[in-house]
């Protein structure tokens, strides 16, 4: 289990937490995914991309994007 540290004030009210960076990144990723899945269009696009079996090489995609 990741170690989470709680910060409290002088009245012992929890005012914040310190979490390991790996846990923080996981939380942020989950929040982003949840946000994207709120919209039906984006939800459909993400599911289509997840199930896609064809694609183009990364370098070719970068070229097309001008990156």
N, C-alpha and C. Protein backbone atom coordinates (compact mmCIF):
# COMPACT_ATOMS: atom_id res chain seq x y z
N UNK A 1 0.86 -1.20 0.00
CA UNK A 1 0.00 0.00 0.00
C UNK A 1 0.89 1.24 0.00
N UNK A 2 0.53 2.19 -0.82
CA UNK A 2 1.28 3.44 -0.89
C UNK A 2 1.07 4.22 0.42
N UNK A 3 2.10 4.91 0.85
CA UNK A 3 1.98 5.67 2.09
C UNK A 3 1.40 7.05 1.80
N UNK A 4 0.25 7.32 2.37
CA UNK A 4 -0.40 8.62 2.27
C UNK A 4 -0.24 9.30 3.61
N UNK A 5 0.20 10.56 3.59
CA UNK A 5 0.38 11.31 4.83
C UNK A 5 -0.69 12.40 4.92
N UNK A 6 -1.28 12.52 6.07
CA UNK A 6 -2.32 13.52 6.29
C UNK A 6 -1.74 14.73 7.01
N UNK A 7 -2.18 15.90 6.61
CA UNK A 7 -1.76 17.15 7.24
C UNK A 7 -2.96 17.68 8.01
N UNK A 8 -2.75 18.07 9.26
CA UNK A 8 -3.86 18.60 10.05
C UNK A 8 -3.45 19.90 10.74
N UNK A 9 -4.47 20.67 11.10
CA UNK A 9 -4.20 21.93 11.80
C UNK A 9 -4.12 21.67 13.30
N UNK A 10 -3.99 22.74 14.06
CA UNK A 10 -3.84 22.60 15.51
C UNK A 10 -5.08 22.00 16.19
N UNK A 11 -6.24 22.06 15.50
CA UNK A 11 -7.47 21.45 16.04
C UNK A 11 -7.68 20.02 15.54
N UNK A 12 -6.65 19.48 14.89
CA UNK A 12 -6.67 18.12 14.35
C UNK A 12 -7.65 17.93 13.20
N UNK A 13 -8.00 19.02 12.52
CA UNK A 13 -8.82 18.93 11.31
C UNK A 13 -7.88 18.66 10.14
N UNK A 14 -8.18 17.64 9.36
CA UNK A 14 -7.34 17.32 8.21
C UNK A 14 -7.49 18.44 7.18
N UNK A 15 -6.36 19.00 6.78
CA UNK A 15 -6.37 20.13 5.84
C UNK A 15 -5.71 19.78 4.51
N UNK A 16 -5.06 18.62 4.44
CA UNK A 16 -4.41 18.24 3.20
C UNK A 16 -3.81 16.85 3.31
N UNK A 17 -3.27 16.39 2.18
CA UNK A 17 -2.60 15.09 2.16
C UNK A 17 -1.34 15.18 1.30
N UNK A 18 -0.41 14.30 1.58
CA UNK A 18 0.78 14.13 0.75
C UNK A 18 0.71 12.71 0.22
N UNK A 19 0.73 12.57 -1.11
CA UNK A 19 0.66 11.25 -1.72
C UNK A 19 1.91 11.01 -2.57
N UNK A 20 2.34 9.77 -2.70
CA UNK A 20 3.47 9.47 -3.57
C UNK A 20 3.16 9.87 -5.01
N UNK A 21 4.17 10.28 -5.76
CA UNK A 21 3.96 10.80 -7.11
C UNK A 21 3.31 9.77 -8.03
N UNK A 22 3.66 8.49 -7.89
CA UNK A 22 3.04 7.46 -8.74
C UNK A 22 1.53 7.38 -8.51
N UNK A 23 1.12 7.48 -7.26
CA UNK A 23 -0.31 7.47 -6.95
C UNK A 23 -0.98 8.73 -7.50
N UNK A 24 -0.32 9.87 -7.37
CA UNK A 24 -0.87 11.12 -7.90
C UNK A 24 -1.08 11.03 -9.40
N UNK A 25 -0.10 10.48 -10.13
CA UNK A 25 -0.23 10.35 -11.59
C UNK A 25 -1.38 9.43 -11.95
N UNK A 26 -1.57 8.37 -11.18
CA UNK A 26 -2.68 7.45 -11.42
C UNK A 26 -4.02 8.16 -11.20
N UNK A 27 -4.11 8.93 -10.15
CA UNK A 27 -5.34 9.67 -9.85
C UNK A 27 -5.64 10.67 -10.97
N UNK A 28 -4.62 11.40 -11.41
CA UNK A 28 -4.79 12.38 -12.49
C UNK A 28 -5.24 11.70 -13.78
N UNK A 29 -4.67 10.56 -14.08
CA UNK A 29 -5.02 9.82 -15.29
C UNK A 29 -6.48 9.37 -15.24
N UNK A 30 -6.90 8.88 -14.09
CA UNK A 30 -8.29 8.44 -13.93
C UNK A 30 -9.26 9.62 -14.06
N UNK A 31 -8.88 10.77 -13.50
CA UNK A 31 -9.73 11.96 -13.62
C UNK A 31 -9.86 12.38 -15.08
N UNK A 32 -8.75 12.35 -15.82
CA UNK A 32 -8.77 12.74 -17.23
C UNK A 32 -9.65 11.79 -18.03
N UNK A 33 -9.51 10.50 -17.78
CA UNK A 33 -10.32 9.51 -18.49
C UNK A 33 -11.79 9.72 -18.18
N UNK A 34 -12.12 9.93 -16.93
CA UNK A 34 -13.52 10.15 -16.54
C UNK A 34 -14.08 11.39 -17.23
N UNK A 35 -13.28 12.45 -17.32
CA UNK A 35 -13.71 13.67 -17.99
C UNK A 35 -13.99 13.40 -19.46
N UNK A 36 -13.07 12.69 -20.12
CA UNK A 36 -13.24 12.41 -21.54
C UNK A 36 -14.45 11.52 -21.81
N UNK A 37 -14.75 10.62 -20.89
CA UNK A 37 -15.87 9.70 -21.08
C UNK A 37 -17.23 10.34 -20.80
N UNK A 38 -17.24 11.57 -20.31
CA UNK A 38 -18.52 12.25 -20.06
C UNK A 38 -19.24 12.57 -21.35
N UNK A 39 -18.50 12.95 -22.38
CA UNK A 39 -19.12 13.30 -23.66
C UNK A 39 -19.32 12.07 -24.51
N UNK A 40 -20.51 11.90 -25.08
CA UNK A 40 -20.82 10.73 -25.89
C UNK A 40 -19.92 10.61 -27.12
N UNK A 41 -19.63 11.74 -27.77
CA UNK A 41 -18.78 11.70 -28.97
C UNK A 41 -17.38 11.23 -28.61
N UNK A 42 -16.80 11.79 -27.56
CA UNK A 42 -15.45 11.40 -27.17
C UNK A 42 -15.44 9.96 -26.68
N UNK A 43 -16.47 9.56 -25.97
CA UNK A 43 -16.57 8.19 -25.49
C UNK A 43 -16.55 7.22 -26.67
N UNK A 44 -17.34 7.53 -27.70
CA UNK A 44 -17.40 6.69 -28.89
C UNK A 44 -16.03 6.64 -29.57
N UNK A 45 -15.38 7.80 -29.71
CA UNK A 45 -14.07 7.86 -30.37
C UNK A 45 -13.02 7.07 -29.60
N UNK A 46 -13.02 7.17 -28.27
CA UNK A 46 -12.06 6.44 -27.47
C UNK A 46 -12.26 4.94 -27.59
N UNK A 47 -13.53 4.51 -27.57
CA UNK A 47 -13.81 3.08 -27.70
C UNK A 47 -13.42 2.57 -29.08
N UNK A 48 -13.67 3.37 -30.12
CA UNK A 48 -13.26 2.99 -31.47
C UNK A 48 -11.75 2.86 -31.55
N UNK A 49 -11.03 3.82 -30.98
CA UNK A 49 -9.57 3.79 -31.01
C UNK A 49 -9.04 2.58 -30.24
N UNK A 50 -9.66 2.28 -29.13
CA UNK A 50 -9.23 1.15 -28.31
C UNK A 50 -9.37 -0.16 -29.07
N UNK A 51 -10.44 -0.27 -29.85
CA UNK A 51 -10.72 -1.51 -30.56
C UNK A 51 -10.10 -1.56 -31.96
N UNK A 52 -9.48 -0.48 -32.39
CA UNK A 52 -8.89 -0.42 -33.72
C UNK A 52 -7.72 -1.39 -33.82
N UNK A 53 -7.67 -2.11 -34.91
CA UNK A 53 -6.60 -3.09 -35.13
C UNK A 53 -5.63 -2.64 -36.21
N UNK A 54 -5.95 -1.55 -36.89
CA UNK A 54 -5.10 -1.03 -37.95
C UNK A 54 -4.54 0.31 -37.50
N UNK A 55 -3.47 0.73 -38.14
CA UNK A 55 -2.89 2.01 -37.79
C UNK A 55 -1.77 2.36 -38.74
N UNK A 56 -1.09 3.45 -38.43
CA UNK A 56 0.07 3.87 -39.21
C UNK A 56 1.26 3.98 -38.26
N UNK A 57 2.46 3.84 -38.78
CA UNK A 57 3.64 3.96 -37.91
C UNK A 57 3.72 5.35 -37.26
N UNK A 58 4.28 5.38 -36.07
CA UNK A 58 4.40 6.62 -35.32
C UNK A 58 5.09 7.72 -36.12
N UNK A 59 6.21 7.38 -36.78
CA UNK A 59 6.95 8.38 -37.56
C UNK A 59 6.10 8.97 -38.68
N UNK A 60 5.28 8.14 -39.30
CA UNK A 60 4.40 8.62 -40.36
C UNK A 60 3.34 9.57 -39.80
N UNK A 61 2.80 9.24 -38.64
CA UNK A 61 1.82 10.11 -38.00
C UNK A 61 2.43 11.46 -37.67
N UNK A 62 3.66 11.45 -37.15
CA UNK A 62 4.36 12.70 -36.84
C UNK A 62 4.55 13.54 -38.08
N UNK A 63 4.91 12.89 -39.19
CA UNK A 63 5.11 13.61 -40.46
C UNK A 63 3.81 14.29 -40.90
N UNK A 64 2.71 13.52 -40.83
CA UNK A 64 1.41 14.07 -41.24
C UNK A 64 0.98 15.23 -40.36
N UNK A 65 1.36 15.17 -39.08
CA UNK A 65 1.02 16.26 -38.15
C UNK A 65 2.00 17.41 -38.20
N UNK A 66 3.09 17.22 -38.92
CA UNK A 66 4.10 18.28 -39.01
C UNK A 66 4.92 18.41 -37.75
N UNK A 67 5.08 17.31 -37.06
CA UNK A 67 5.83 17.32 -35.79
C UNK A 67 7.22 16.77 -36.02
